Protein backbone atom coordinates (compact mmCIF):
# COMPACT_ATOMS: atom_id res chain seq x y z
CA UNK A 1 0.00 0.00 0.00
CA UNK A 2 1.12 3.53 -0.70
CA UNK A 3 0.49 6.07 2.05
CA UNK A 4 0.63 9.80 1.47
CA UNK A 5 0.62 12.41 4.20
CA UNK A 6 -0.72 15.57 2.55
CA UNK A 7 -0.20 18.52 4.85
CA UNK A 8 -0.13 22.27 5.04
CA UNK A 9 3.17 23.93 5.86
CA UNK A 10 6.69 22.83 6.51
CA UNK A 11 8.15 21.56 9.75
CA UNK A 12 10.67 24.00 11.12
CA UNK A 13 11.77 22.55 14.46
CA UNK A 14 14.61 20.03 14.33
CA UNK A 15 13.06 17.78 16.96
CA UNK A 16 9.96 17.38 14.78
CA UNK A 17 11.97 16.81 11.58
CA UNK A 18 14.06 14.18 13.38
CA UNK A 19 10.93 12.38 14.61
CA UNK A 20 9.33 12.51 11.15
CA UNK A 21 12.50 11.11 9.56
CA UNK A 22 12.64 8.27 12.08
CA UNK A 23 9.03 7.23 11.48
CA UNK A 24 9.44 7.47 7.70
CA UNK A 25 12.38 5.07 8.00
CA UNK A 26 10.38 2.67 10.18
CA UNK A 27 7.23 2.73 8.04
CA UNK A 28 9.18 2.24 4.81
CA UNK A 29 9.75 -1.40 5.82
CA UNK A 30 6.00 -1.96 5.42
CA UNK A 31 4.62 0.62 2.97
CA UNK A 32 5.69 3.15 0.40
CA UNK A 33 5.31 6.50 2.13
CA UNK A 34 5.46 10.04 0.84
CA UNK A 35 4.90 13.39 2.47
CA UNK A 36 3.46 16.15 0.31
CA UNK A 37 3.52 19.66 1.70
CA UNK A 38 1.51 22.57 0.38
CA UNK A 39 2.37 26.14 1.36
CA UNK A 40 0.56 27.63 4.31
CA UNK A 41 -0.93 31.09 4.37
CA UNK A 42 0.29 33.60 6.89
CA UNK A 43 -2.43 34.38 9.40
CA UNK A 44 -2.13 37.86 10.85
CA UNK A 45 -2.67 38.29 14.58
CA UNK A 46 -6.24 39.24 15.31
CA UNK A 47 -7.52 38.00 11.94
CA UNK A 48 -11.30 37.97 11.79
CA UNK A 49 -13.58 35.12 10.85
CA UNK A 50 -13.86 36.23 7.21
CA UNK A 51 -10.08 36.38 6.71
CA UNK A 52 -9.63 33.02 8.44
CA UNK A 53 -12.21 31.50 6.08
CA UNK A 54 -10.33 32.93 3.07
CA UNK A 55 -7.05 31.51 4.36
CA UNK A 56 -8.55 28.05 4.91
CA UNK A 57 -10.14 28.18 1.45
CA UNK A 58 -6.79 28.97 -0.22
CA UNK A 59 -5.05 26.20 1.70
CA UNK A 60 -7.95 23.89 0.85
CA UNK A 61 -7.57 24.59 -2.87
CA UNK A 62 -3.90 23.67 -2.64
CA UNK A 63 -4.74 20.45 -0.82
CA UNK A 64 -7.44 19.44 -3.30
CA UNK A 65 -5.07 20.09 -6.22
CA UNK A 66 -2.60 17.54 -4.78
CA UNK A 67 -5.06 14.71 -4.15
CA UNK A 68 -4.40 11.82 -6.50
CA UNK A 69 -7.34 10.27 -8.33
CA UNK A 70 -8.32 6.93 -6.83
CA UNK A 71 -6.72 7.55 -3.45
CA UNK A 72 -8.79 6.92 -0.32
CA UNK A 73 -8.83 10.21 1.60
CA UNK A 74 -8.74 10.27 5.41
CA UNK A 75 -8.84 13.86 6.63
CA UNK A 76 -7.87 14.69 10.18
CA UNK A 77 -10.68 16.72 11.69
CA UNK A 78 -11.68 17.32 15.29
CA UNK A 79 -15.27 16.31 14.50
CA UNK A 80 -14.17 13.05 12.89
CA UNK A 81 -14.43 9.54 14.27
CA UNK A 82 -12.00 8.52 16.99
CA UNK A 83 -10.46 5.08 16.55
CA UNK A 84 -8.19 2.97 18.69
CA UNK A 85 -4.84 1.98 17.20
CA UNK A 86 -6.22 -1.51 16.59
CA UNK A 87 -9.29 -0.10 14.84
CA UNK A 88 -7.14 2.11 12.61
CA UNK A 89 -4.94 -0.88 11.73
CA UNK A 90 -8.05 -2.88 10.90
CA UNK A 91 -9.40 -0.02 8.76
CA UNK A 92 -6.15 0.14 6.77
CA UNK A 93 -6.14 -3.65 6.36
CA UNK A 94 -9.78 -3.59 5.18
CA UNK A 95 -8.98 -0.86 2.66
CA UNK A 96 -6.03 -2.84 1.31
CA UNK A 97 -8.08 -6.03 1.05
CA UNK A 98 -10.85 -4.06 -0.65
CA UNK A 99 -8.50 -2.91 -3.38
CA UNK A 100 -7.46 0.51 -2.09
CA UNK A 101 -3.77 0.64 -2.90
CA UNK A 102 -3.32 4.30 -1.97
CA UNK A 103 -4.42 6.08 1.20
CA UNK A 104 -3.92 9.80 1.71
CA UNK A 105 -4.08 11.32 5.18
CA UNK A 106 -4.74 15.07 5.11
CA UNK A 107 -3.57 17.43 7.86
CA UNK A 108 -4.76 21.03 7.65
CA UNK A 109 -2.97 24.16 8.69
CA UNK A 110 -3.16 26.08 11.93
CA UNK A 111 -6.78 27.05 11.26
CA UNK A 112 -7.90 23.55 10.31
CA UNK A 113 -9.35 22.20 7.08
CA UNK A 114 -11.64 23.91 4.61
CA UNK A 115 -15.13 22.42 4.34
CA UNK A 116 -14.44 21.50 0.70
CA UNK A 117 -11.58 19.23 1.82
CA UNK A 118 -13.75 17.59 4.48
CA UNK A 119 -16.49 17.00 1.90
CA UNK A 120 -13.97 15.42 -0.49
CA UNK A 121 -12.70 13.07 2.22
CA UNK A 122 -13.87 9.46 2.36
CA UNK A 123 -13.35 9.42 6.12
CA UNK A 124 -12.88 12.03 8.85
CA UNK A 125 -10.45 10.88 11.53
CA UNK A 126 -10.10 12.53 14.91
CA UNK A 127 -7.28 11.92 17.35
CA UNK A 128 -8.93 13.88 20.15
CA UNK A 129 -11.37 16.66 20.89
CA UNK A 130 -8.31 18.72 21.77
CA UNK A 131 -6.50 20.93 19.29
CA UNK A 132 -2.88 20.09 18.42
CA UNK A 133 -0.27 22.05 16.47
CA UNK A 134 -0.29 20.71 12.90
CA UNK A 135 3.45 20.03 13.04
CA UNK A 136 3.05 17.84 16.13
CA UNK A 137 0.04 16.14 14.55
CA UNK A 138 2.24 14.98 11.68
CA UNK A 139 4.51 13.18 14.15
CA UNK A 140 1.54 11.70 16.03
CA UNK A 141 -0.06 10.47 12.79
CA UNK A 142 3.19 8.88 11.61
CA UNK A 143 3.62 7.16 14.97
CA UNK A 144 0.11 5.74 14.69
CA UNK A 145 0.69 4.55 11.12
CA UNK A 146 3.84 2.81 12.30
CA UNK A 147 1.90 1.28 15.21
CA UNK A 148 -0.69 0.04 12.67
CA UNK A 149 2.08 -1.58 10.65
CA UNK A 150 3.31 -3.44 13.71
CA UNK A 151 -0.22 -4.49 14.74
CA UNK A 152 -1.03 -5.76 11.23
CA UNK A 153 2.25 -7.68 11.05
CA UNK A 154 1.56 -9.21 14.50
CA UNK A 155 4.83 -7.76 15.74
CA UNK A 156 5.32 -6.43 19.27
CA UNK A 157 5.20 -2.71 19.88
CA UNK A 158 5.34 -0.94 23.21
CA UNK A 159 2.07 0.09 24.80
C-alpha atoms as a PDB file:
ATOM      1  CA  UNK A   1       0.000   0.000   0.000  1.00  0.00           C
ATOM      2  CA  UNK A   2       1.118   3.535  -0.704  1.00  0.00           C
ATOM      3  CA  UNK A   3       0.486   6.068   2.051  1.00  0.00           C
ATOM      4  CA  UNK A   4       0.626   9.804   1.471  1.00  0.00           C
ATOM      5  CA  UNK A   5       0.619  12.412   4.195  1.00  0.00           C
ATOM      6  CA  UNK A   6      -0.720  15.571   2.553  1.00  0.00           C
ATOM      7  CA  UNK A   7      -0.198  18.518   4.852  1.00  0.00           C
ATOM      8  CA  UNK A   8      -0.132  22.273   5.037  1.00  0.00           C
ATOM      9  CA  UNK A   9       3.167  23.935   5.857  1.00  0.00           C
ATOM     10  CA  UNK A  10       6.691  22.826   6.514  1.00  0.00           C
ATOM     11  CA  UNK A  11       8.146  21.558   9.749  1.00  0.00           C
ATOM     12  CA  UNK A  12      10.670  24.002  11.118  1.00  0.00           C
ATOM     13  CA  UNK A  13      11.768  22.546  14.460  1.00  0.00           C
ATOM     14  CA  UNK A  14      14.615  20.032  14.333  1.00  0.00           C
ATOM     15  CA  UNK A  15      13.058  17.778  16.963  1.00  0.00           C
ATOM     16  CA  UNK A  16       9.961  17.376  14.781  1.00  0.00           C
ATOM     17  CA  UNK A  17      11.969  16.813  11.585  1.00  0.00           C
ATOM     18  CA  UNK A  18      14.062  14.183  13.384  1.00  0.00           C
ATOM     19  CA  UNK A  19      10.933  12.385  14.607  1.00  0.00           C
ATOM     20  CA  UNK A  20       9.331  12.512  11.146  1.00  0.00           C
ATOM     21  CA  UNK A  21      12.500  11.112   9.556  1.00  0.00           C
ATOM     22  CA  UNK A  22      12.638   8.273  12.082  1.00  0.00           C
ATOM     23  CA  UNK A  23       9.034   7.228  11.479  1.00  0.00           C
ATOM     24  CA  UNK A  24       9.440   7.468   7.702  1.00  0.00           C
ATOM     25  CA  UNK A  25      12.376   5.067   8.003  1.00  0.00           C
ATOM     26  CA  UNK A  26      10.376   2.667  10.183  1.00  0.00           C
ATOM     27  CA  UNK A  27       7.233   2.731   8.041  1.00  0.00           C
ATOM     28  CA  UNK A  28       9.179   2.240   4.805  1.00  0.00           C
ATOM     29  CA  UNK A  29       9.748  -1.404   5.818  1.00  0.00           C
ATOM     30  CA  UNK A  30       6.001  -1.955   5.423  1.00  0.00           C
ATOM     31  CA  UNK A  31       4.624   0.617   2.974  1.00  0.00           C
ATOM     32  CA  UNK A  32       5.686   3.153   0.399  1.00  0.00           C
ATOM     33  CA  UNK A  33       5.309   6.505   2.129  1.00  0.00           C
ATOM     34  CA  UNK A  34       5.461  10.044   0.835  1.00  0.00           C
ATOM     35  CA  UNK A  35       4.901  13.387   2.472  1.00  0.00           C
ATOM     36  CA  UNK A  36       3.465  16.148   0.308  1.00  0.00           C
ATOM     37  CA  UNK A  37       3.516  19.663   1.703  1.00  0.00           C
ATOM     38  CA  UNK A  38       1.506  22.567   0.385  1.00  0.00           C
ATOM     39  CA  UNK A  39       2.365  26.144   1.363  1.00  0.00           C
ATOM     40  CA  UNK A  40       0.556  27.626   4.306  1.00  0.00           C
ATOM     41  CA  UNK A  41      -0.929  31.094   4.373  1.00  0.00           C
ATOM     42  CA  UNK A  42       0.289  33.597   6.890  1.00  0.00           C
ATOM     43  CA  UNK A  43      -2.434  34.376   9.400  1.00  0.00           C
ATOM     44  CA  UNK A  44      -2.131  37.865  10.853  1.00  0.00           C
ATOM     45  CA  UNK A  45      -2.668  38.288  14.582  1.00  0.00           C
ATOM     46  CA  UNK A  46      -6.241  39.243  15.306  1.00  0.00           C
ATOM     47  CA  UNK A  47      -7.520  38.004  11.940  1.00  0.00           C
ATOM     48  CA  UNK A  48     -11.299  37.969  11.786  1.00  0.00           C
ATOM     49  CA  UNK A  49     -13.583  35.120  10.846  1.00  0.00           C
ATOM     50  CA  UNK A  50     -13.858  36.233   7.207  1.00  0.00           C
ATOM     51  CA  UNK A  51     -10.080  36.380   6.714  1.00  0.00           C
ATOM     52  CA  UNK A  52      -9.634  33.022   8.443  1.00  0.00           C
ATOM     53  CA  UNK A  53     -12.215  31.500   6.082  1.00  0.00           C
ATOM     54  CA  UNK A  54     -10.329  32.927   3.069  1.00  0.00           C
ATOM     55  CA  UNK A  55      -7.047  31.511   4.358  1.00  0.00           C
ATOM     56  CA  UNK A  56      -8.553  28.052   4.909  1.00  0.00           C
ATOM     57  CA  UNK A  57     -10.142  28.177   1.448  1.00  0.00           C
ATOM     58  CA  UNK A  58      -6.788  28.966  -0.222  1.00  0.00           C
ATOM     59  CA  UNK A  59      -5.052  26.199   1.697  1.00  0.00           C
ATOM     60  CA  UNK A  60      -7.953  23.888   0.851  1.00  0.00           C
ATOM     61  CA  UNK A  61      -7.575  24.591  -2.873  1.00  0.00           C
ATOM     62  CA  UNK A  62      -3.902  23.670  -2.639  1.00  0.00           C
ATOM     63  CA  UNK A  63      -4.740  20.449  -0.820  1.00  0.00           C
ATOM     64  CA  UNK A  64      -7.440  19.445  -3.305  1.00  0.00           C
ATOM     65  CA  UNK A  65      -5.071  20.087  -6.218  1.00  0.00           C
ATOM     66  CA  UNK A  66      -2.597  17.537  -4.778  1.00  0.00           C
ATOM     67  CA  UNK A  67      -5.065  14.706  -4.148  1.00  0.00           C
ATOM     68  CA  UNK A  68      -4.395  11.817  -6.497  1.00  0.00           C
ATOM     69  CA  UNK A  69      -7.343  10.273  -8.328  1.00  0.00           C
ATOM     70  CA  UNK A  70      -8.322   6.929  -6.827  1.00  0.00           C
ATOM     71  CA  UNK A  71      -6.724   7.550  -3.446  1.00  0.00           C
ATOM     72  CA  UNK A  72      -8.786   6.918  -0.320  1.00  0.00           C
ATOM     73  CA  UNK A  73      -8.832  10.212   1.604  1.00  0.00           C
ATOM     74  CA  UNK A  74      -8.735  10.268   5.407  1.00  0.00           C
ATOM     75  CA  UNK A  75      -8.842  13.857   6.625  1.00  0.00           C
ATOM     76  CA  UNK A  76      -7.869  14.694  10.178  1.00  0.00           C
ATOM     77  CA  UNK A  77     -10.683  16.719  11.693  1.00  0.00           C
ATOM     78  CA  UNK A  78     -11.677  17.320  15.287  1.00  0.00           C
ATOM     79  CA  UNK A  79     -15.272  16.309  14.498  1.00  0.00           C
ATOM     80  CA  UNK A  80     -14.166  13.045  12.887  1.00  0.00           C
ATOM     81  CA  UNK A  81     -14.426   9.540  14.272  1.00  0.00           C
ATOM     82  CA  UNK A  82     -12.003   8.525  16.988  1.00  0.00           C
ATOM     83  CA  UNK A  83     -10.460   5.078  16.551  1.00  0.00           C
ATOM     84  CA  UNK A  84      -8.193   2.970  18.689  1.00  0.00           C
ATOM     85  CA  UNK A  85      -4.840   1.976  17.200  1.00  0.00           C
ATOM     86  CA  UNK A  86      -6.218  -1.512  16.590  1.00  0.00           C
ATOM     87  CA  UNK A  87      -9.289  -0.102  14.837  1.00  0.00           C
ATOM     88  CA  UNK A  88      -7.139   2.108  12.614  1.00  0.00           C
ATOM     89  CA  UNK A  89      -4.936  -0.879  11.735  1.00  0.00           C
ATOM     90  CA  UNK A  90      -8.055  -2.882  10.899  1.00  0.00           C
ATOM     91  CA  UNK A  91      -9.397  -0.025   8.760  1.00  0.00           C
ATOM     92  CA  UNK A  92      -6.151   0.138   6.766  1.00  0.00           C
ATOM     93  CA  UNK A  93      -6.144  -3.649   6.356  1.00  0.00           C
ATOM     94  CA  UNK A  94      -9.776  -3.594   5.175  1.00  0.00           C
ATOM     95  CA  UNK A  95      -8.984  -0.858   2.664  1.00  0.00           C
ATOM     96  CA  UNK A  96      -6.031  -2.844   1.310  1.00  0.00           C
ATOM     97  CA  UNK A  97      -8.078  -6.034   1.047  1.00  0.00           C
ATOM     98  CA  UNK A  98     -10.855  -4.062  -0.646  1.00  0.00           C
ATOM     99  CA  UNK A  99      -8.504  -2.914  -3.378  1.00  0.00           C
ATOM    100  CA  UNK A 100      -7.458   0.509  -2.091  1.00  0.00           C
ATOM    101  CA  UNK A 101      -3.772   0.643  -2.904  1.00  0.00           C
ATOM    102  CA  UNK A 102      -3.316   4.302  -1.967  1.00  0.00           C
ATOM    103  CA  UNK A 103      -4.421   6.083   1.203  1.00  0.00           C
ATOM    104  CA  UNK A 104      -3.918   9.796   1.707  1.00  0.00           C
ATOM    105  CA  UNK A 105      -4.076  11.317   5.179  1.00  0.00           C
ATOM    106  CA  UNK A 106      -4.740  15.071   5.110  1.00  0.00           C
ATOM    107  CA  UNK A 107      -3.572  17.432   7.856  1.00  0.00           C
ATOM    108  CA  UNK A 108      -4.761  21.027   7.654  1.00  0.00           C
ATOM    109  CA  UNK A 109      -2.968  24.160   8.687  1.00  0.00           C
ATOM    110  CA  UNK A 110      -3.155  26.080  11.932  1.00  0.00           C
ATOM    111  CA  UNK A 111      -6.784  27.055  11.260  1.00  0.00           C
ATOM    112  CA  UNK A 112      -7.903  23.552  10.313  1.00  0.00           C
ATOM    113  CA  UNK A 113      -9.353  22.197   7.077  1.00  0.00           C
ATOM    114  CA  UNK A 114     -11.645  23.909   4.614  1.00  0.00           C
ATOM    115  CA  UNK A 115     -15.134  22.423   4.343  1.00  0.00           C
ATOM    116  CA  UNK A 116     -14.438  21.495   0.700  1.00  0.00           C
ATOM    117  CA  UNK A 117     -11.584  19.231   1.818  1.00  0.00           C
ATOM    118  CA  UNK A 118     -13.749  17.591   4.478  1.00  0.00           C
ATOM    119  CA  UNK A 119     -16.490  17.004   1.901  1.00  0.00           C
ATOM    120  CA  UNK A 120     -13.966  15.421  -0.491  1.00  0.00           C
ATOM    121  CA  UNK A 121     -12.703  13.068   2.223  1.00  0.00           C
ATOM    122  CA  UNK A 122     -13.866   9.462   2.365  1.00  0.00           C
ATOM    123  CA  UNK A 123     -13.348   9.418   6.123  1.00  0.00           C
ATOM    124  CA  UNK A 124     -12.877  12.028   8.851  1.00  0.00           C
ATOM    125  CA  UNK A 125     -10.449  10.875  11.527  1.00  0.00           C
ATOM    126  CA  UNK A 126     -10.097  12.526  14.912  1.00  0.00           C
ATOM    127  CA  UNK A 127      -7.285  11.924  17.352  1.00  0.00           C
ATOM    128  CA  UNK A 128      -8.935  13.883  20.146  1.00  0.00           C
ATOM    129  CA  UNK A 129     -11.374  16.662  20.890  1.00  0.00           C
ATOM    130  CA  UNK A 130      -8.312  18.722  21.770  1.00  0.00           C
ATOM    131  CA  UNK A 131      -6.497  20.926  19.287  1.00  0.00           C
ATOM    132  CA  UNK A 132      -2.882  20.089  18.422  1.00  0.00           C
ATOM    133  CA  UNK A 133      -0.269  22.045  16.471  1.00  0.00           C
ATOM    134  CA  UNK A 134      -0.292  20.710  12.899  1.00  0.00           C
ATOM    135  CA  UNK A 135       3.453  20.028  13.043  1.00  0.00           C
ATOM    136  CA  UNK A 136       3.051  17.840  16.133  1.00  0.00           C
ATOM    137  CA  UNK A 137       0.043  16.143  14.553  1.00  0.00           C
ATOM    138  CA  UNK A 138       2.237  14.980  11.683  1.00  0.00           C
ATOM    139  CA  UNK A 139       4.507  13.176  14.146  1.00  0.00           C
ATOM    140  CA  UNK A 140       1.544  11.695  16.027  1.00  0.00           C
ATOM    141  CA  UNK A 141      -0.057  10.473  12.785  1.00  0.00           C
ATOM    142  CA  UNK A 142       3.193   8.885  11.610  1.00  0.00           C
ATOM    143  CA  UNK A 143       3.619   7.159  14.966  1.00  0.00           C
ATOM    144  CA  UNK A 144       0.113   5.735  14.693  1.00  0.00           C
ATOM    145  CA  UNK A 145       0.688   4.555  11.118  1.00  0.00           C
ATOM    146  CA  UNK A 146       3.843   2.811  12.303  1.00  0.00           C
ATOM    147  CA  UNK A 147       1.902   1.281  15.209  1.00  0.00           C
ATOM    148  CA  UNK A 148      -0.690   0.042  12.670  1.00  0.00           C
ATOM    149  CA  UNK A 149       2.082  -1.576  10.647  1.00  0.00           C
ATOM    150  CA  UNK A 150       3.313  -3.436  13.713  1.00  0.00           C
ATOM    151  CA  UNK A 151      -0.215  -4.495  14.736  1.00  0.00           C
ATOM    152  CA  UNK A 152      -1.033  -5.760  11.235  1.00  0.00           C
ATOM    153  CA  UNK A 153       2.254  -7.681  11.050  1.00  0.00           C
ATOM    154  CA  UNK A 154       1.559  -9.213  14.501  1.00  0.00           C
ATOM    155  CA  UNK A 155       4.827  -7.764  15.740  1.00  0.00           C
ATOM    156  CA  UNK A 156       5.319  -6.427  19.266  1.00  0.00           C
ATOM    157  CA  UNK A 157       5.200  -2.706  19.880  1.00  0.00           C
ATOM    158  CA  UNK A 158       5.344  -0.942  23.212  1.00  0.00           C
ATOM    159  CA  UNK A 159       2.072   0.090  24.805  1.00  0.00           C
END
